[in-house]
């Protein structure tokens, strides 16, 4: 008994036409502005939230996006040391040392945010959520000022009648 092996060239399976080009890297200024817009949207969502957990999570994520805007506006940093990714809160003081205390503050709240996201009961009190929202609003405004981005607070979307 003889086995026959058929070899197909890769040309048989490739689709005709030009190869897609890789996308260009996003422009840092555009990325920073987009992150700040997303941060403002997150603050608006946090302000409208009726649950303390949702308010806390949205406020913390808004601060995270503002920190990402700072990183996007700076020269690329070494985001991996010894092959492990580093948190935005670890990278932020390297990008802007003036934000070191803010980075430590929001890094300390990351576990609480994770607990709230996981739906753990009593992970966040209403007071903690309100305080974090207030602090996140200050932080986002500070980042906007430091990057020279004009703030336009996001207005709530009216509900359909």
N, C-alpha and C. Protein backbone atom coordinates (compact mmCIF):
# COMPACT_ATOMS: atom_id res chain seq x y z
N UNK A 1 0.85 -1.16 0.00
CA UNK A 1 0.00 0.00 0.00
C UNK A 1 0.90 1.23 0.00
N UNK A 2 0.58 2.18 -0.86
CA UNK A 2 1.38 3.39 -0.99
C UNK A 2 0.53 4.59 -0.62
N UNK A 3 1.08 5.48 0.22
CA UNK A 3 0.38 6.72 0.60
C UNK A 3 0.88 7.85 -0.26
N UNK A 4 -0.03 8.69 -0.69
CA UNK A 4 0.34 9.83 -1.51
C UNK A 4 0.14 11.09 -0.69
N UNK A 5 1.13 11.95 -0.69
CA UNK A 5 1.06 13.21 0.04
C UNK A 5 0.96 14.33 -0.97
N UNK A 6 -0.06 15.12 -0.85
CA UNK A 6 -0.24 16.26 -1.75
C UNK A 6 0.19 17.51 -1.02
N UNK A 7 1.05 18.28 -1.64
CA UNK A 7 1.52 19.53 -1.04
C UNK A 7 0.88 20.68 -1.80
N UNK A 8 0.23 21.56 -1.05
CA UNK A 8 -0.40 22.73 -1.64
C UNK A 8 0.48 23.94 -1.37
N UNK A 9 0.64 24.75 -2.35
CA UNK A 9 1.41 25.97 -2.12
C UNK A 9 0.53 26.98 -1.41
N UNK A 10 1.14 27.89 -0.69
CA UNK A 10 0.38 28.91 0.04
C UNK A 10 -0.34 29.84 -0.91
N UNK A 11 0.09 29.91 -2.16
CA UNK A 11 -0.57 30.78 -3.14
C UNK A 11 -1.99 30.32 -3.41
N UNK A 12 -2.27 29.04 -3.25
CA UNK A 12 -3.61 28.54 -3.49
C UNK A 12 -4.60 29.06 -2.45
N UNK A 13 -4.12 29.35 -1.25
CA UNK A 13 -5.01 29.75 -0.17
C UNK A 13 -5.04 31.25 0.06
N UNK A 14 -4.10 31.97 -0.49
CA UNK A 14 -4.09 33.41 -0.25
C UNK A 14 -5.09 34.09 -1.16
N UNK A 15 -5.65 35.17 -0.68
CA UNK A 15 -6.63 35.90 -1.46
C UNK A 15 -5.92 36.90 -2.35
N UNK A 16 -6.43 37.08 -3.58
CA UNK A 16 -5.78 38.03 -4.47
C UNK A 16 -6.01 39.46 -3.97
N UNK A 17 -5.16 40.34 -4.40
CA UNK A 17 -5.31 41.75 -4.04
C UNK A 17 -4.17 42.23 -3.18
N UNK A 18 -4.17 43.51 -2.92
CA UNK A 18 -3.07 44.07 -2.13
C UNK A 18 -3.14 43.61 -0.68
N UNK A 19 -1.99 43.50 -0.07
CA UNK A 19 -1.92 43.13 1.34
C UNK A 19 -2.30 44.34 2.19
N UNK A 20 -3.00 44.11 3.27
CA UNK A 20 -3.36 45.25 4.12
C UNK A 20 -2.10 45.85 4.76
N UNK A 21 -2.11 47.16 4.83
CA UNK A 21 -0.98 47.85 5.45
C UNK A 21 -1.22 47.94 6.95
N UNK A 22 -0.15 47.90 7.72
CA UNK A 22 -0.35 48.08 9.16
C UNK A 22 -0.85 49.50 9.43
N UNK A 23 -1.69 49.62 10.44
CA UNK A 23 -2.22 50.93 10.79
C UNK A 23 -1.11 51.80 11.37
N UNK A 24 -1.14 53.08 11.07
CA UNK A 24 -0.13 53.95 11.67
C UNK A 24 -0.37 54.07 13.17
N UNK A 25 0.69 54.34 13.90
CA UNK A 25 0.56 54.53 15.35
C UNK A 25 -0.27 55.77 15.61
N UNK A 26 -1.13 55.73 16.63
CA UNK A 26 -1.94 56.91 16.90
C UNK A 26 -1.06 58.09 17.32
N UNK A 27 -1.49 59.27 16.92
CA UNK A 27 -0.75 60.47 17.31
C UNK A 27 -0.95 60.69 18.80
N UNK A 28 0.12 60.97 19.54
CA UNK A 28 -0.01 61.12 20.99
C UNK A 28 -1.03 62.17 21.40
N UNK A 29 -1.05 63.33 20.75
CA UNK A 29 -1.99 64.37 21.15
C UNK A 29 -3.42 63.89 20.95
N UNK A 30 -3.67 63.22 19.83
CA UNK A 30 -5.02 62.71 19.54
C UNK A 30 -5.42 61.67 20.58
N UNK A 31 -4.51 60.79 20.92
CA UNK A 31 -4.79 59.75 21.89
C UNK A 31 -5.07 60.36 23.26
N UNK A 32 -4.28 61.35 23.66
CA UNK A 32 -4.47 61.99 24.96
C UNK A 32 -5.83 62.67 25.03
N UNK A 33 -6.19 63.38 23.99
CA UNK A 33 -7.49 64.06 23.97
C UNK A 33 -8.62 63.03 24.04
N UNK A 34 -8.48 61.95 23.32
CA UNK A 34 -9.49 60.90 23.35
C UNK A 34 -9.63 60.28 24.73
N UNK A 35 -8.50 60.05 25.38
CA UNK A 35 -8.53 59.49 26.74
C UNK A 35 -9.20 60.46 27.71
N UNK A 36 -8.90 61.76 27.55
CA UNK A 36 -9.53 62.75 28.43
C UNK A 36 -11.03 62.85 28.17
N UNK A 37 -11.42 62.73 26.92
CA UNK A 37 -12.86 62.72 26.61
C UNK A 37 -13.53 61.51 27.28
N UNK A 38 -12.89 60.36 27.17
CA UNK A 38 -13.43 59.16 27.81
C UNK A 38 -13.47 59.32 29.33
N UNK A 39 -12.48 60.00 29.89
CA UNK A 39 -12.47 60.25 31.33
C UNK A 39 -13.66 61.12 31.73
N UNK A 40 -13.93 62.16 30.94
CA UNK A 40 -15.07 63.04 31.23
C UNK A 40 -16.39 62.26 31.13
N UNK A 41 -16.49 61.40 30.13
CA UNK A 41 -17.69 60.58 29.98
C UNK A 41 -17.85 59.66 31.20
N UNK A 42 -16.74 59.10 31.67
CA UNK A 42 -16.78 58.25 32.85
C UNK A 42 -17.21 59.00 34.09
N UNK A 43 -16.76 60.25 34.23
CA UNK A 43 -17.19 61.07 35.37
C UNK A 43 -18.70 61.33 35.31
N UNK A 44 -19.20 61.60 34.11
CA UNK A 44 -20.64 61.83 33.95
C UNK A 44 -21.42 60.57 34.31
N UNK A 45 -20.92 59.43 33.87
CA UNK A 45 -21.58 58.16 34.19
C UNK A 45 -21.55 57.90 35.69
N UNK A 46 -20.42 58.21 36.33
CA UNK A 46 -20.31 58.04 37.78
C UNK A 46 -21.29 58.94 38.51
N UNK A 47 -21.42 60.17 38.05
CA UNK A 47 -22.32 61.12 38.70
C UNK A 47 -23.78 60.68 38.60
N UNK A 48 -24.13 59.99 37.54
CA UNK A 48 -25.51 59.54 37.34
C UNK A 48 -25.79 58.19 37.97
N UNK A 49 -24.76 57.48 38.38
CA UNK A 49 -24.94 56.13 38.92
C UNK A 49 -25.73 56.16 40.22
N UNK A 50 -26.61 55.20 40.37
CA UNK A 50 -27.40 55.11 41.60
C UNK A 50 -26.78 54.14 42.60
N UNK A 51 -25.89 53.29 42.13
CA UNK A 51 -25.21 52.32 42.98
C UNK A 51 -23.84 52.87 43.38
N UNK A 52 -23.49 52.70 44.65
CA UNK A 52 -22.18 53.16 45.12
C UNK A 52 -21.06 52.42 44.39
N UNK A 53 -21.25 51.13 44.15
CA UNK A 53 -20.22 50.35 43.47
C UNK A 53 -19.99 50.86 42.06
N UNK A 54 -21.06 51.11 41.32
CA UNK A 54 -20.93 51.60 39.95
C UNK A 54 -20.31 52.99 39.95
N UNK A 55 -20.72 53.83 40.88
CA UNK A 55 -20.16 55.18 40.97
C UNK A 55 -18.65 55.11 41.22
N UNK A 56 -18.25 54.25 42.15
CA UNK A 56 -16.83 54.11 42.48
C UNK A 56 -16.03 53.60 41.28
N UNK A 57 -16.54 52.55 40.64
CA UNK A 57 -15.85 51.96 39.49
C UNK A 57 -15.71 52.98 38.37
N UNK A 58 -16.78 53.68 38.03
CA UNK A 58 -16.73 54.66 36.94
C UNK A 58 -15.77 55.80 37.25
N UNK A 59 -15.78 56.27 38.49
CA UNK A 59 -14.88 57.35 38.88
C UNK A 59 -13.42 56.90 38.81
N UNK A 60 -13.16 55.69 39.30
CA UNK A 60 -11.78 55.18 39.28
C UNK A 60 -11.30 54.98 37.84
N UNK A 61 -12.17 54.45 36.99
CA UNK A 61 -11.79 54.26 35.59
C UNK A 61 -11.59 55.60 34.88
N UNK A 62 -12.34 56.61 35.26
CA UNK A 62 -12.14 57.95 34.69
C UNK A 62 -10.75 58.46 35.04
N UNK A 63 -10.35 58.27 36.29
CA UNK A 63 -9.00 58.68 36.70
C UNK A 63 -7.95 57.88 35.94
N UNK A 64 -8.20 56.60 35.75
CA UNK A 64 -7.27 55.75 35.00
C UNK A 64 -7.10 56.25 33.57
N UNK A 65 -8.19 56.66 32.95
CA UNK A 65 -8.11 57.19 31.58
C UNK A 65 -7.36 58.52 31.54
N UNK A 66 -7.55 59.35 32.56
CA UNK A 66 -6.80 60.61 32.61
C UNK A 66 -5.31 60.33 32.75
N UNK A 67 -4.96 59.35 33.57
CA UNK A 67 -3.55 58.97 33.71
C UNK A 67 -3.01 58.44 32.38
N UNK A 68 -3.82 57.67 31.67
CA UNK A 68 -3.42 57.17 30.35
C UNK A 68 -3.19 58.32 29.38
N UNK A 69 -3.96 59.39 29.52
CA UNK A 69 -3.76 60.57 28.67
C UNK A 69 -2.40 61.19 28.91
N UNK A 70 -1.98 61.24 30.16
CA UNK A 70 -0.65 61.76 30.48
C UNK A 70 0.41 60.89 29.82
N UNK A 71 0.28 59.58 29.96
CA UNK A 71 1.26 58.67 29.36
C UNK A 71 1.28 58.79 27.84
N UNK A 72 0.11 58.97 27.24
CA UNK A 72 0.03 59.09 25.78
C UNK A 72 0.69 60.37 25.28
N UNK A 73 0.73 61.38 26.12
CA UNK A 73 1.29 62.66 25.69
C UNK A 73 2.80 62.75 25.87
N UNK A 74 3.39 61.77 26.53
CA UNK A 74 4.82 61.78 26.82
C UNK A 74 5.56 60.82 25.90
N UNK A 75 6.88 60.90 25.99
CA UNK A 75 7.71 59.94 25.25
C UNK A 75 7.39 58.53 25.76
N UNK A 76 7.48 57.54 24.89
CA UNK A 76 7.18 56.18 25.35
C UNK A 76 8.07 55.77 26.52
N UNK A 77 7.45 55.15 27.51
CA UNK A 77 8.16 54.67 28.68
C UNK A 77 8.37 53.17 28.56
N UNK A 78 9.31 52.65 29.35
CA UNK A 78 9.51 51.21 29.41
C UNK A 78 8.36 50.63 30.23
N UNK A 79 7.38 50.07 29.55
CA UNK A 79 6.19 49.57 30.25
C UNK A 79 6.37 48.16 30.79
N UNK A 80 7.45 47.50 30.43
CA UNK A 80 7.73 46.15 30.92
C UNK A 80 9.11 46.14 31.57
N UNK A 81 9.16 45.64 32.75
CA UNK A 81 10.44 45.39 33.40
C UNK A 81 10.45 43.93 33.75
N UNK A 82 11.50 43.24 33.35
CA UNK A 82 11.61 41.80 33.58
C UNK A 82 10.43 41.05 32.99
N UNK A 83 9.93 41.56 31.85
CA UNK A 83 8.88 40.86 31.13
C UNK A 83 7.48 41.01 31.71
N UNK A 84 7.33 41.77 32.79
CA UNK A 84 6.00 41.93 33.39
C UNK A 84 5.47 43.32 33.09
N UNK A 85 4.20 43.42 32.69
CA UNK A 85 3.62 44.75 32.44
C UNK A 85 3.55 45.54 33.74
N UNK A 86 3.66 46.86 33.60
CA UNK A 86 3.59 47.73 34.78
C UNK A 86 2.30 48.55 34.73
N UNK A 87 1.76 48.78 35.88
CA UNK A 87 0.51 49.52 36.03
C UNK A 87 0.67 50.96 35.59
N UNK A 88 -0.43 51.54 35.12
CA UNK A 88 -0.46 52.97 34.78
C UNK A 88 -0.05 53.78 36.00
N UNK A 89 -0.47 53.33 37.18
CA UNK A 89 -0.16 54.09 38.40
C UNK A 89 1.32 54.02 38.75
N UNK A 90 2.01 52.98 38.31
CA UNK A 90 3.46 52.89 38.50
C UNK A 90 4.18 53.77 37.47
N UNK A 91 3.65 53.81 36.25
CA UNK A 91 4.28 54.58 35.17
C UNK A 91 4.04 56.08 35.29
N UNK A 92 2.91 56.48 35.86
CA UNK A 92 2.54 57.90 35.90
C UNK A 92 3.59 58.79 36.55
N UNK A 93 4.15 58.43 37.72
CA UNK A 93 5.16 59.31 38.31
C UNK A 93 6.43 59.45 37.47
N UNK A 94 6.72 58.44 36.65
CA UNK A 94 7.87 58.53 35.75
C UNK A 94 7.58 59.53 34.63
N UNK A 95 6.35 59.56 34.17
CA UNK A 95 5.96 60.47 33.09
C UNK A 95 5.79 61.89 33.61
N UNK A 96 5.24 62.04 34.80
CA UNK A 96 5.01 63.37 35.39
C UNK A 96 5.16 63.25 36.90
N UNK A 97 6.36 63.55 37.41
CA UNK A 97 6.61 63.41 38.85
C UNK A 97 5.66 64.22 39.74
N UNK A 98 5.09 65.29 39.21
CA UNK A 98 4.15 66.10 40.01
C UNK A 98 2.88 65.32 40.35
N UNK A 99 2.62 64.23 39.65
CA UNK A 99 1.40 63.44 39.87
C UNK A 99 1.66 62.20 40.74
N UNK A 100 2.82 62.15 41.37
CA UNK A 100 3.20 60.98 42.18
C UNK A 100 2.17 60.66 43.27
N UNK A 101 1.73 61.68 44.01
CA UNK A 101 0.77 61.43 45.10
C UNK A 101 -0.58 60.97 44.57
N UNK A 102 -1.00 61.54 43.45
CA UNK A 102 -2.25 61.10 42.84
C UNK A 102 -2.14 59.64 42.41
N UNK A 103 -1.00 59.28 41.84
CA UNK A 103 -0.81 57.89 41.39
C UNK A 103 -0.91 56.94 42.58
N UNK A 104 -0.27 57.30 43.68
CA UNK A 104 -0.32 56.44 44.88
C UNK A 104 -1.76 56.35 45.41
N UNK A 105 -2.46 57.46 45.40
CA UNK A 105 -3.84 57.49 45.89
C UNK A 105 -4.73 56.56 45.07
N UNK A 106 -4.68 56.69 43.75
CA UNK A 106 -5.56 55.86 42.92
C UNK A 106 -5.10 54.41 42.87
N UNK A 107 -3.80 54.16 42.98
CA UNK A 107 -3.31 52.78 43.04
C UNK A 107 -3.85 52.09 44.29
N UNK A 108 -3.93 52.83 45.39
CA UNK A 108 -4.45 52.26 46.63
C UNK A 108 -5.92 51.88 46.52
N UNK A 109 -6.65 52.51 45.61
CA UNK A 109 -8.07 52.19 45.43
C UNK A 109 -8.35 51.13 44.40
N UNK A 110 -7.32 50.61 43.75
CA UNK A 110 -7.52 49.64 42.67
C UNK A 110 -8.15 48.34 43.17
N UNK A 111 -7.74 47.86 44.34
CA UNK A 111 -8.32 46.62 44.87
C UNK A 111 -9.79 46.81 45.22
N UNK A 112 -10.11 47.97 45.76
CA UNK A 112 -11.51 48.27 46.10
C UNK A 112 -12.35 48.33 44.82
N UNK A 113 -11.79 48.93 43.76
CA UNK A 113 -12.50 48.96 42.48
C UNK A 113 -12.74 47.54 41.98
N UNK A 114 -11.71 46.69 42.07
CA UNK A 114 -11.85 45.31 41.60
C UNK A 114 -12.92 44.58 42.40
N UNK A 115 -12.98 44.82 43.70
CA UNK A 115 -14.01 44.19 44.53
C UNK A 115 -15.40 44.68 44.13
N UNK A 116 -15.51 45.97 43.86
CA UNK A 116 -16.80 46.53 43.44
C UNK A 116 -17.21 45.97 42.08
N UNK A 117 -16.24 45.85 41.16
CA UNK A 117 -16.53 45.28 39.84
C UNK A 117 -16.98 43.83 39.95
N UNK A 118 -16.41 43.12 40.92
CA UNK A 118 -16.75 41.71 41.10
C UNK A 118 -18.10 41.53 41.78
N UNK A 119 -18.69 42.64 42.22
CA UNK A 119 -20.01 42.57 42.84
C UNK A 119 -20.00 42.14 44.29
N UNK A 120 -18.85 42.28 44.95
CA UNK A 120 -18.79 41.91 46.37
C UNK A 120 -19.66 42.86 47.19
N UNK A 121 -20.51 42.31 48.03
CA UNK A 121 -21.38 43.18 48.82
C UNK A 121 -20.57 44.05 49.77
N UNK A 122 -21.01 45.26 49.93
CA UNK A 122 -20.39 46.24 50.82
C UNK A 122 -18.92 46.50 50.50
N UNK A 123 -18.53 46.31 49.25
CA UNK A 123 -17.14 46.60 48.86
C UNK A 123 -16.87 48.09 48.95
N UNK A 124 -17.90 48.88 48.69
CA UNK A 124 -17.76 50.34 48.66
C UNK A 124 -18.97 50.96 49.35
N UNK A 125 -18.72 51.94 50.19
CA UNK A 125 -19.83 52.67 50.82
C UNK A 125 -20.22 53.85 49.93
N UNK A 126 -21.43 54.35 50.09
CA UNK A 126 -21.83 55.53 49.32
C UNK A 126 -20.89 56.73 49.55
N UNK A 127 -20.44 56.89 50.77
CA UNK A 127 -19.52 58.00 51.06
C UNK A 127 -18.19 57.83 50.32
N UNK A 128 -17.64 56.61 50.31
CA UNK A 128 -16.39 56.36 49.59
C UNK A 128 -16.56 56.65 48.10
N UNK A 129 -17.70 56.26 47.56
CA UNK A 129 -17.95 56.50 46.14
C UNK A 129 -18.03 57.99 45.85
N UNK A 130 -18.72 58.74 46.70
CA UNK A 130 -18.82 60.19 46.52
C UNK A 130 -17.46 60.86 46.61
N UNK A 131 -16.68 60.45 47.60
CA UNK A 131 -15.35 61.04 47.78
C UNK A 131 -14.44 60.73 46.60
N UNK A 132 -14.51 59.50 46.11
CA UNK A 132 -13.67 59.15 44.96
C UNK A 132 -14.10 59.92 43.73
N UNK A 133 -15.39 60.08 43.52
CA UNK A 133 -15.87 60.86 42.38
C UNK A 133 -15.33 62.28 42.47
N UNK A 134 -15.41 62.88 43.64
CA UNK A 134 -14.89 64.24 43.83
C UNK A 134 -13.39 64.30 43.51
N UNK A 135 -12.63 63.35 44.05
CA UNK A 135 -11.18 63.33 43.81
C UNK A 135 -10.86 63.07 42.34
N UNK A 136 -11.62 62.20 41.70
CA UNK A 136 -11.39 61.92 40.28
C UNK A 136 -11.67 63.15 39.43
N UNK A 137 -12.70 63.92 39.78
CA UNK A 137 -13.00 65.16 39.05
C UNK A 137 -11.83 66.14 39.16
N UNK A 138 -11.28 66.27 40.36
CA UNK A 138 -10.12 67.16 40.55
C UNK A 138 -8.94 66.66 39.72
N UNK A 139 -8.69 65.36 39.76
CA UNK A 139 -7.56 64.79 39.03
C UNK A 139 -7.70 64.98 37.53
N UNK A 140 -8.88 64.70 37.00
CA UNK A 140 -9.10 64.87 35.55
C UNK A 140 -8.89 66.32 35.16
N UNK A 141 -9.41 67.25 35.94
CA UNK A 141 -9.22 68.68 35.65
C UNK A 141 -7.75 69.06 35.71
N UNK A 142 -7.03 68.52 36.68
CA UNK A 142 -5.60 68.80 36.81
C UNK A 142 -4.84 68.29 35.58
N UNK A 143 -5.17 67.10 35.13
CA UNK A 143 -4.51 66.54 33.94
C UNK A 143 -4.85 67.38 32.71
N UNK A 144 -6.10 67.76 32.57
CA UNK A 144 -6.48 68.61 31.43
C UNK A 144 -5.67 69.90 31.44
N UNK A 145 -5.55 70.53 32.60
CA UNK A 145 -4.77 71.77 32.71
C UNK A 145 -3.31 71.53 32.37
N UNK A 146 -2.74 70.44 32.89
CA UNK A 146 -1.31 70.18 32.65
C UNK A 146 -1.02 69.87 31.19
N UNK A 147 -2.00 69.30 30.48
CA UNK A 147 -1.81 68.98 29.06
C UNK A 147 -2.31 70.09 28.14
N UNK A 148 -2.88 71.13 28.73
CA UNK A 148 -3.37 72.25 27.93
C UNK A 148 -4.61 71.91 27.13
N UNK A 149 -5.42 71.00 27.65
CA UNK A 149 -6.65 70.60 26.98
C UNK A 149 -7.81 71.34 27.63
N UNK A 150 -8.59 72.01 26.82
CA UNK A 150 -9.74 72.73 27.34
C UNK A 150 -10.82 71.75 27.77
N UNK A 151 -11.27 71.92 28.99
CA UNK A 151 -12.28 71.02 29.53
C UNK A 151 -13.67 71.46 29.10
N UNK A 152 -14.43 70.50 28.66
CA UNK A 152 -15.84 70.73 28.37
C UNK A 152 -16.60 69.63 29.09
N UNK A 153 -17.06 69.94 30.31
CA UNK A 153 -17.76 68.89 31.05
C UNK A 153 -18.89 68.27 30.24
N UNK A 154 -19.02 66.99 30.37
CA UNK A 154 -20.03 66.24 29.63
C UNK A 154 -21.38 66.41 30.31
N UNK A 155 -22.37 66.82 29.54
CA UNK A 155 -23.71 66.99 30.07
C UNK A 155 -24.45 65.66 30.03
N UNK A 156 -25.31 65.42 31.02
CA UNK A 156 -26.08 64.18 30.98
C UNK A 156 -27.02 64.15 29.78
N UNK A 157 -27.25 62.98 29.26
CA UNK A 157 -28.15 62.81 28.12
C UNK A 157 -29.57 62.73 28.68
N UNK A 158 -30.47 63.61 28.21
CA UNK A 158 -31.84 63.55 28.73
C UNK A 158 -32.53 62.26 28.32
N UNK A 159 -33.33 61.75 29.23
CA UNK A 159 -34.06 60.51 28.95
C UNK A 159 -35.23 60.81 28.03
N UNK A 160 -35.53 59.87 27.16
CA UNK A 160 -36.67 60.03 26.24
C UNK A 160 -37.96 59.97 27.03
N UNK A 161 -38.90 60.82 26.66
CA UNK A 161 -40.19 60.84 27.37
C UNK A 161 -41.15 59.84 26.80
